[in-house]
């Protein structure tokens, strides 16, 4: 089955007879689609839609095949190398399953060895720039915490939010406000981390709840919704909220 998909991609990328769009793509132009497809997989999971999940996983696999094909054309690596690399990594990271359990190093030791092999020496090395901002903030904070640079408990992180909020209110220029709001968001992520909350997942859930409630407001008010004043819309919001929306 995979061989069929590889043949399809090779044909799409053929410089003479391939698809005009596919054959001119690069790693950089395809990267946004890769991210989008990963999010669509998450969306299908959130909607508990197995048929959509099947389709979205196929779209995500296509992205892997696309990148691998471009790398193969550049003489860098092929799809088989991708499969072998992840297979090797999974076996290496689970020596208690695939190797000698008694002689197995710990997870952090394995990860440290891998980072050393990639010439990653700083605590923050390897945290991908392309991650969603909240997710990347949390990963950076976790890495820093491993070195001891962290609040001893959640109270310190909570106090930092109040400090950053004051700095937002004191900021006067657009650039300063933007910077301070960024610091505030970073502090909120840090507090969430101390509370054991995944900030990215929490915000995704909040987005879904807002969308669900707002749509319910529109449905209840009908075509009159845009013309309602703020008090009427707030009353609708509270009505939807009380109904469990």
C-alpha atoms as a PDB file:
ATOM      1  CA  UNK A   1       0.000   0.000   0.000  1.00  0.00           C
ATOM      2  CA  UNK A   2       2.785   2.419   0.900  1.00  0.00           C
ATOM      3  CA  UNK A   3       4.580   1.597  -2.346  1.00  0.00           C
ATOM      4  CA  UNK A   4       1.492   2.716  -4.272  1.00  0.00           C
ATOM      5  CA  UNK A   5       1.518   6.089  -2.513  1.00  0.00           C
ATOM      6  CA  UNK A   6       5.247   6.473  -3.161  1.00  0.00           C
ATOM      7  CA  UNK A   7       4.679   5.795  -6.875  1.00  0.00           C
ATOM      8  CA  UNK A   8       1.873   8.355  -6.973  1.00  0.00           C
ATOM      9  CA  UNK A   9       4.082  11.001  -5.398  1.00  0.00           C
ATOM     10  CA  UNK A  10       6.959  10.215  -7.753  1.00  0.00           C
ATOM     11  CA  UNK A  11       4.622  10.654 -10.701  1.00  0.00           C
ATOM     12  CA  UNK A  12       3.222  13.916  -9.332  1.00  0.00           C
ATOM     13  CA  UNK A  13       6.776  15.238  -8.926  1.00  0.00           C
ATOM     14  CA  UNK A  14       7.981  14.155 -12.375  1.00  0.00           C
ATOM     15  CA  UNK A  15       9.642  17.284 -13.814  1.00  0.00           C
ATOM     16  CA  UNK A  16       8.179  16.693 -17.293  1.00  0.00           C
ATOM     17  CA  UNK A  17       4.833  14.949 -16.864  1.00  0.00           C
ATOM     18  CA  UNK A  18       3.984  15.649 -13.219  1.00  0.00           C
ATOM     19  CA  UNK A  19       1.419  17.972 -11.681  1.00  0.00           C
ATOM     20  CA  UNK A  20       2.269  21.639 -12.283  1.00  0.00           C
ATOM     21  CA  UNK A  21       1.610  22.479  -8.624  1.00  0.00           C
ATOM     22  CA  UNK A  22       3.259  19.491  -6.945  1.00  0.00           C
ATOM     23  CA  UNK A  23       6.491  19.559  -8.917  1.00  0.00           C
ATOM     24  CA  UNK A  24       7.368  23.155  -8.000  1.00  0.00           C
ATOM     25  CA  UNK A  25       6.861  22.767  -4.250  1.00  0.00           C
ATOM     26  CA  UNK A  26       9.730  22.947  -1.748  1.00  0.00           C
ATOM     27  CA  UNK A  27      10.184  22.000   1.916  1.00  0.00           C
ATOM     28  CA  UNK A  28       9.381  25.592   2.840  1.00  0.00           C
ATOM     29  CA  UNK A  29       6.199  25.863   0.780  1.00  0.00           C
ATOM     30  CA  UNK A  30       4.859  22.512   1.965  1.00  0.00           C
ATOM     31  CA  UNK A  31       5.648  23.049   5.673  1.00  0.00           C
ATOM     32  CA  UNK A  32       2.470  25.096   6.398  1.00  0.00           C
ATOM     33  CA  UNK A  33       0.333  22.318   4.901  1.00  0.00           C
ATOM     34  CA  UNK A  34       2.094  19.766   7.106  1.00  0.00           C
ATOM     35  CA  UNK A  35       1.200  21.773  10.199  1.00  0.00           C
ATOM     36  CA  UNK A  36      -2.375  22.258   8.977  1.00  0.00           C
ATOM     37  CA  UNK A  37      -2.849  18.535   8.365  1.00  0.00           C
ATOM     38  CA  UNK A  38      -1.560  17.703  11.848  1.00  0.00           C
ATOM     39  CA  UNK A  39      -4.145  20.042  13.347  1.00  0.00           C
ATOM     40  CA  UNK A  40      -6.879  18.499  11.226  1.00  0.00           C
ATOM     41  CA  UNK A  41      -5.963  15.114  12.706  1.00  0.00           C
ATOM     42  CA  UNK A  42      -6.414  16.607  16.177  1.00  0.00           C
ATOM     43  CA  UNK A  43      -9.729  18.136  15.117  1.00  0.00           C
ATOM     44  CA  UNK A  44     -11.039  14.758  13.938  1.00  0.00           C
ATOM     45  CA  UNK A  45     -10.017  13.236  17.275  1.00  0.00           C
ATOM     46  CA  UNK A  46     -11.725  16.046  19.199  1.00  0.00           C
ATOM     47  CA  UNK A  47     -14.912  15.480  17.172  1.00  0.00           C
ATOM     48  CA  UNK A  48     -14.709  11.713  17.786  1.00  0.00           C
ATOM     49  CA  UNK A  49     -15.072  11.157  14.047  1.00  0.00           C
ATOM     50  CA  UNK A  50     -13.204   7.970  13.051  1.00  0.00           C
ATOM     51  CA  UNK A  51     -14.009   8.338   9.330  1.00  0.00           C
ATOM     52  CA  UNK A  52     -12.566  11.853   9.312  1.00  0.00           C
ATOM     53  CA  UNK A  53      -9.591  10.649  11.362  1.00  0.00           C
ATOM     54  CA  UNK A  54      -8.841   8.001   8.748  1.00  0.00           C
ATOM     55  CA  UNK A  55      -8.901  10.625   5.991  1.00  0.00           C
ATOM     56  CA  UNK A  56      -6.842  13.145   7.944  1.00  0.00           C
ATOM     57  CA  UNK A  57      -4.203  10.577   8.867  1.00  0.00           C
ATOM     58  CA  UNK A  58      -3.941   9.810   5.155  1.00  0.00           C
ATOM     59  CA  UNK A  59      -3.456  13.503   4.403  1.00  0.00           C
ATOM     60  CA  UNK A  60      -0.765  13.698   7.093  1.00  0.00           C
ATOM     61  CA  UNK A  61       0.970  10.609   5.695  1.00  0.00           C
ATOM     62  CA  UNK A  62       0.955  12.272   2.290  1.00  0.00           C
ATOM     63  CA  UNK A  63       2.887  15.160   3.802  1.00  0.00           C
ATOM     64  CA  UNK A  64       5.555  12.760   5.078  1.00  0.00           C
ATOM     65  CA  UNK A  65       5.787  11.122   1.661  1.00  0.00           C
ATOM     66  CA  UNK A  66       5.956  14.535  -0.023  1.00  0.00           C
ATOM     67  CA  UNK A  67       8.876  15.700   2.135  1.00  0.00           C
ATOM     68  CA  UNK A  68      10.653  12.376   1.744  1.00  0.00           C
ATOM     69  CA  UNK A  69      10.280  12.515  -2.041  1.00  0.00           C
ATOM     70  CA  UNK A  70      11.767  16.015  -2.213  1.00  0.00           C
ATOM     71  CA  UNK A  71      14.656  14.885  -0.007  1.00  0.00           C
ATOM     72  CA  UNK A  72      15.234  11.868  -2.238  1.00  0.00           C
ATOM     73  CA  UNK A  73      15.352  14.104  -5.313  1.00  0.00           C
ATOM     74  CA  UNK A  74      17.975  16.230  -3.541  1.00  0.00           C
ATOM     75  CA  UNK A  75      20.046  13.147  -2.690  1.00  0.00           C
ATOM     76  CA  UNK A  76      19.489  13.552   1.055  1.00  0.00           C
ATOM     77  CA  UNK A  77      17.325  10.616   2.159  1.00  0.00           C
ATOM     78  CA  UNK A  78      14.315   8.560   1.050  1.00  0.00           C
ATOM     79  CA  UNK A  79      11.059   7.410   2.647  1.00  0.00           C
ATOM     80  CA  UNK A  80      12.650   4.117   3.693  1.00  0.00           C
ATOM     81  CA  UNK A  81      15.287   6.064   5.621  1.00  0.00           C
ATOM     82  CA  UNK A  82      12.524   7.922   7.480  1.00  0.00           C
ATOM     83  CA  UNK A  83      10.890   4.618   8.450  1.00  0.00           C
ATOM     84  CA  UNK A  84      14.197   3.097   9.506  1.00  0.00           C
ATOM     85  CA  UNK A  85      15.135   6.160  11.543  1.00  0.00           C
ATOM     86  CA  UNK A  86      11.909   6.159  13.573  1.00  0.00           C
ATOM     87  CA  UNK A  87      12.095   2.371  13.993  1.00  0.00           C
ATOM     88  CA  UNK A  88      15.632   2.666  15.344  1.00  0.00           C
ATOM     89  CA  UNK A  89      14.592   5.500  17.637  1.00  0.00           C
ATOM     90  CA  UNK A  90      11.625   3.586  19.103  1.00  0.00           C
ATOM     91  CA  UNK A  91      13.777   0.542  19.816  1.00  0.00           C
ATOM     92  CA  UNK A  92      16.531   2.711  21.288  1.00  0.00           C
ATOM     93  CA  UNK A  93      14.075   4.565  23.538  1.00  0.00           C
ATOM     94  CA  UNK A  94      12.450   1.362  24.780  1.00  0.00           C
ATOM     95  CA  UNK A  95      15.388  -0.897  25.653  1.00  0.00           C
ATOM     96  CA  UNK A  96      13.289  -2.505  28.411  1.00  0.00           C
ATOM     97  CA  UNK A  97      11.037  -3.848  25.631  1.00  0.00           C
ATOM     98  CA  UNK A  98      13.477  -4.500  22.788  1.00  0.00           C
ATOM     99  CA  UNK A  99      16.748  -4.989  24.649  1.00  0.00           C
ATOM    100  CA  UNK A 100      18.311  -5.928  27.967  1.00  0.00           C
ATOM    101  CA  UNK A 101      15.983  -4.577  30.655  1.00  0.00           C
ATOM    102  CA  UNK A 102      18.599  -4.934  33.388  1.00  0.00           C
ATOM    103  CA  UNK A 103      21.151  -2.856  31.499  1.00  0.00           C
ATOM    104  CA  UNK A 104      18.699  -0.255  30.220  1.00  0.00           C
ATOM    105  CA  UNK A 105      19.599   3.424  30.811  1.00  0.00           C
ATOM    106  CA  UNK A 106      16.907   5.804  32.005  1.00  0.00           C
ATOM    107  CA  UNK A 107      14.723   7.846  29.651  1.00  0.00           C
ATOM    108  CA  UNK A 108      16.514  11.120  30.380  1.00  0.00           C
ATOM    109  CA  UNK A 109      19.892   9.502  29.805  1.00  0.00           C
ATOM    110  CA  UNK A 110      18.697   8.200  26.431  1.00  0.00           C
ATOM    111  CA  UNK A 111      17.371  11.621  25.437  1.00  0.00           C
ATOM    112  CA  UNK A 112      20.588  13.293  26.598  1.00  0.00           C
ATOM    113  CA  UNK A 113      22.638  10.903  24.467  1.00  0.00           C
ATOM    114  CA  UNK A 114      20.449  11.655  21.447  1.00  0.00           C
ATOM    115  CA  UNK A 115      20.826  15.399  21.945  1.00  0.00           C
ATOM    116  CA  UNK A 116      24.577  14.990  22.212  1.00  0.00           C
ATOM    117  CA  UNK A 117      24.616  13.089  18.927  1.00  0.00           C
ATOM    118  CA  UNK A 118      22.794  16.017  17.316  1.00  0.00           C
ATOM    119  CA  UNK A 119      25.293  18.487  18.819  1.00  0.00           C
ATOM    120  CA  UNK A 120      22.631  19.907  21.128  1.00  0.00           C
ATOM    121  CA  UNK A 121      24.365  21.147  24.245  1.00  0.00           C
ATOM    122  CA  UNK A 122      22.140  23.912  25.627  1.00  0.00           C
ATOM    123  CA  UNK A 123      19.121  23.013  27.725  1.00  0.00           C
ATOM    124  CA  UNK A 124      16.792  24.682  25.214  1.00  0.00           C
ATOM    125  CA  UNK A 125      18.341  23.150  22.094  1.00  0.00           C
ATOM    126  CA  UNK A 126      15.964  21.106  19.982  1.00  0.00           C
ATOM    127  CA  UNK A 127      12.726  22.855  20.940  1.00  0.00           C
ATOM    128  CA  UNK A 128      11.312  23.391  17.461  1.00  0.00           C
ATOM    129  CA  UNK A 129      10.690  26.951  16.329  1.00  0.00           C
ATOM    130  CA  UNK A 130       7.627  25.877  14.360  1.00  0.00           C
ATOM    131  CA  UNK A 131       5.618  24.682  17.356  1.00  0.00           C
ATOM    132  CA  UNK A 132       2.465  26.599  18.321  1.00  0.00           C
ATOM    133  CA  UNK A 133       3.479  29.418  20.647  1.00  0.00           C
ATOM    134  CA  UNK A 134       1.757  28.103  23.785  1.00  0.00           C
ATOM    135  CA  UNK A 135       3.142  24.605  23.285  1.00  0.00           C
ATOM    136  CA  UNK A 136       6.649  25.940  22.652  1.00  0.00           C
ATOM    137  CA  UNK A 137       6.486  28.156  25.735  1.00  0.00           C
ATOM    138  CA  UNK A 138       5.604  25.163  27.880  1.00  0.00           C
ATOM    139  CA  UNK A 139       8.407  23.062  26.404  1.00  0.00           C
ATOM    140  CA  UNK A 140      10.955  25.846  26.935  1.00  0.00           C
ATOM    141  CA  UNK A 141       9.829  26.193  30.545  1.00  0.00           C
ATOM    142  CA  UNK A 142      10.091  22.444  31.145  1.00  0.00           C
ATOM    143  CA  UNK A 143      13.609  22.398  29.730  1.00  0.00           C
ATOM    144  CA  UNK A 144      14.640  25.346  31.889  1.00  0.00           C
ATOM    145  CA  UNK A 145      13.086  23.700  34.951  1.00  0.00           C
ATOM    146  CA  UNK A 146      15.362  20.667  34.498  1.00  0.00           C
ATOM    147  CA  UNK A 147      18.317  22.946  35.200  1.00  0.00           C
ATOM    148  CA  UNK A 148      16.692  24.254  38.394  1.00  0.00           C
ATOM    149  CA  UNK A 149      15.546  27.545  36.858  1.00  0.00           C
ATOM    150  CA  UNK A 150      11.932  27.368  38.041  1.00  0.00           C
ATOM    151  CA  UNK A 151       9.568  28.501  40.764  1.00  0.00           C
ATOM    152  CA  UNK A 152       9.508  26.060  43.693  1.00  0.00           C
ATOM    153  CA  UNK A 153       5.700  25.942  43.541  1.00  0.00           C
ATOM    154  CA  UNK A 154       2.685  27.393  41.717  1.00  0.00           C
ATOM    155  CA  UNK A 155       2.436  30.449  43.963  1.00  0.00           C
ATOM    156  CA  UNK A 156       5.548  32.023  42.462  1.00  0.00           C
ATOM    157  CA  UNK A 157       4.235  31.499  38.961  1.00  0.00           C
ATOM    158  CA  UNK A 158       0.864  32.975  39.979  1.00  0.00           C
ATOM    159  CA  UNK A 159       2.512  36.069  41.455  1.00  0.00           C
ATOM    160  CA  UNK A 160       4.427  36.572  38.216  1.00  0.00           C
ATOM    161  CA  UNK A 161       1.116  36.903  36.363  1.00  0.00           C
ATOM    162  CA  UNK A 162       0.089  39.831  38.578  1.00  0.00           C
ATOM    163  CA  UNK A 163       3.486  41.457  37.984  1.00  0.00           C
ATOM    164  CA  UNK A 164       3.237  41.048  34.223  1.00  0.00           C
ATOM    165  CA  UNK A 165      -0.364  42.316  34.186  1.00  0.00           C
ATOM    166  CA  UNK A 166       0.775  45.515  35.909  1.00  0.00           C
ATOM    167  CA  UNK A 167       3.509  45.925  33.312  1.00  0.00           C
ATOM    168  CA  UNK A 168       0.951  45.617  30.510  1.00  0.00           C
ATOM    169  CA  UNK A 169      -1.136  48.344  32.117  1.00  0.00           C
ATOM    170  CA  UNK A 170       1.924  50.574  32.522  1.00  0.00           C
ATOM    171  CA  UNK A 171       3.077  50.135  28.912  1.00  0.00           C
ATOM    172  CA  UNK A 172       2.486  53.179  26.702  1.00  0.00           C
ATOM    173  CA  UNK A 173       3.660  52.403  23.160  1.00  0.00           C
ATOM    174  CA  UNK A 174       2.228  49.694  20.852  1.00  0.00           C
ATOM    175  CA  UNK A 175       5.569  47.875  20.808  1.00  0.00           C
ATOM    176  CA  UNK A 176       5.830  47.912  24.589  1.00  0.00           C
ATOM    177  CA  UNK A 177       2.250  46.715  24.982  1.00  0.00           C
ATOM    178  CA  UNK A 178       2.879  43.856  22.553  1.00  0.00           C
ATOM    179  CA  UNK A 179       6.021  42.831  24.421  1.00  0.00           C
ATOM    180  CA  UNK A 180       4.347  42.950  27.822  1.00  0.00           C
ATOM    181  CA  UNK A 181       1.289  41.003  26.627  1.00  0.00           C
ATOM    182  CA  UNK A 182       3.697  38.348  25.365  1.00  0.00           C
ATOM    183  CA  UNK A 183       5.346  38.227  28.788  1.00  0.00           C
ATOM    184  CA  UNK A 184       1.902  37.933  30.403  1.00  0.00           C
ATOM    185  CA  UNK A 185       0.924  35.015  28.172  1.00  0.00           C
ATOM    186  CA  UNK A 186       4.249  33.313  28.904  1.00  0.00           C
ATOM    187  CA  UNK A 187       3.597  33.715  32.638  1.00  0.00           C
ATOM    188  CA  UNK A 188       0.099  32.229  32.304  1.00  0.00           C
ATOM    189  CA  UNK A 189       1.551  29.205  30.498  1.00  0.00           C
ATOM    190  CA  UNK A 190       4.072  28.815  33.308  1.00  0.00           C
ATOM    191  CA  UNK A 191       1.331  28.862  35.942  1.00  0.00           C
ATOM    192  CA  UNK A 192      -0.652  26.314  33.928  1.00  0.00           C
ATOM    193  CA  UNK A 193       2.423  24.086  33.815  1.00  0.00           C
ATOM    194  CA  UNK A 194       2.780  24.252  37.591  1.00  0.00           C
ATOM    195  CA  UNK A 195      -0.883  23.308  37.922  1.00  0.00           C
ATOM    196  CA  UNK A 196      -0.339  20.287  35.674  1.00  0.00           C
ATOM    197  CA  UNK A 197      -2.377  21.783  32.830  1.00  0.00           C
ATOM    198  CA  UNK A 198      -1.400  21.533  29.156  1.00  0.00           C
ATOM    199  CA  UNK A 199      -1.858  25.161  28.073  1.00  0.00           C
ATOM    200  CA  UNK A 200      -2.268  24.340  24.379  1.00  0.00           C
ATOM    201  CA  UNK A 201      -4.973  21.741  25.055  1.00  0.00           C
ATOM    202  CA  UNK A 202      -6.700  24.017  27.575  1.00  0.00           C
ATOM    203  CA  UNK A 203      -6.900  26.914  25.116  1.00  0.00           C
ATOM    204  CA  UNK A 204      -8.074  24.617  22.334  1.00  0.00           C
ATOM    205  CA  UNK A 205     -10.872  23.444  24.625  1.00  0.00           C
ATOM    206  CA  UNK A 206     -11.753  27.032  25.541  1.00  0.00           C
ATOM    207  CA  UNK A 207     -11.879  27.960  21.848  1.00  0.00           C
ATOM    208  CA  UNK A 208     -14.279  25.101  21.220  1.00  0.00           C
ATOM    209  CA  UNK A 209     -16.485  26.110  24.136  1.00  0.00           C
ATOM    210  CA  UNK A 210     -16.620  29.733  22.999  1.00  0.00           C
ATOM    211  CA  UNK A 211     -17.493  28.709  19.445  1.00  0.00           C
ATOM    212  CA  UNK A 212     -20.218  26.332  20.668  1.00  0.00           C
ATOM    213  CA  UNK A 213     -21.798  28.945  22.916  1.00  0.00           C
ATOM    214  CA  UNK A 214     -21.571  31.752  20.356  1.00  0.00           C
ATOM    215  CA  UNK A 215     -23.253  29.615  17.700  1.00  0.00           C
ATOM    216  CA  UNK A 216     -25.989  28.792  20.200  1.00  0.00           C
ATOM    217  CA  UNK A 217     -26.506  32.525  20.801  1.00  0.00           C
ATOM    218  CA  UNK A 218     -26.847  33.131  17.062  1.00  0.00           C
ATOM    219  CA  UNK A 219     -29.329  30.281  16.765  1.00  0.00           C
ATOM    220  CA  UNK A 220     -31.507  31.583  19.604  1.00  0.00           C
ATOM    221  CA  UNK A 221     -31.560  35.179  18.355  1.00  0.00           C
ATOM    222  CA  UNK A 222     -31.795  34.367  14.668  1.00  0.00           C
ATOM    223  CA  UNK A 223     -31.349  37.128  12.107  1.00  0.00           C
ATOM    224  CA  UNK A 224     -31.749  39.764  14.834  1.00  0.00           C
ATOM    225  CA  UNK A 225     -28.502  38.784  16.578  1.00  0.00           C
ATOM    226  CA  UNK A 226     -26.155  41.358  14.955  1.00  0.00           C
ATOM    227  CA  UNK A 227     -28.460  44.229  15.906  1.00  0.00           C
ATOM    228  CA  UNK A 228     -28.768  43.352  19.588  1.00  0.00           C
ATOM    229  CA  UNK A 229     -26.962  45.617  22.033  1.00  0.00           C
ATOM    230  CA  UNK A 230     -24.187  44.281  24.270  1.00  0.00           C
ATOM    231  CA  UNK A 231     -26.495  43.811  27.289  1.00  0.00           C
ATOM    232  CA  UNK A 232     -28.870  41.655  25.238  1.00  0.00           C
ATOM    233  CA  UNK A 233     -26.002  39.599  23.874  1.00  0.00           C
ATOM    234  CA  UNK A 234     -24.567  39.134  27.355  1.00  0.00           C
ATOM    235  CA  UNK A 235     -28.001  37.969  28.550  1.00  0.00           C
ATOM    236  CA  UNK A 236     -28.070  35.444  25.707  1.00  0.00           C
ATOM    237  CA  UNK A 237     -24.567  34.297  26.635  1.00  0.00           C
ATOM    238  CA  UNK A 238     -25.582  33.678  30.230  1.00  0.00           C
ATOM    239  CA  UNK A 239     -28.726  31.871  29.059  1.00  0.00           C
ATOM    240  CA  UNK A 240     -26.708  29.547  26.852  1.00  0.00           C
ATOM    241  CA  UNK A 241     -24.172  29.024  29.650  1.00  0.00           C
ATOM    242  CA  UNK A 242     -26.905  28.082  32.144  1.00  0.00           C
ATOM    243  CA  UNK A 243     -28.323  25.602  29.665  1.00  0.00           C
ATOM    244  CA  UNK A 244     -25.011  23.758  29.643  1.00  0.00           C
ATOM    245  CA  UNK A 245     -23.914  24.989  26.213  1.00  0.00           C
END
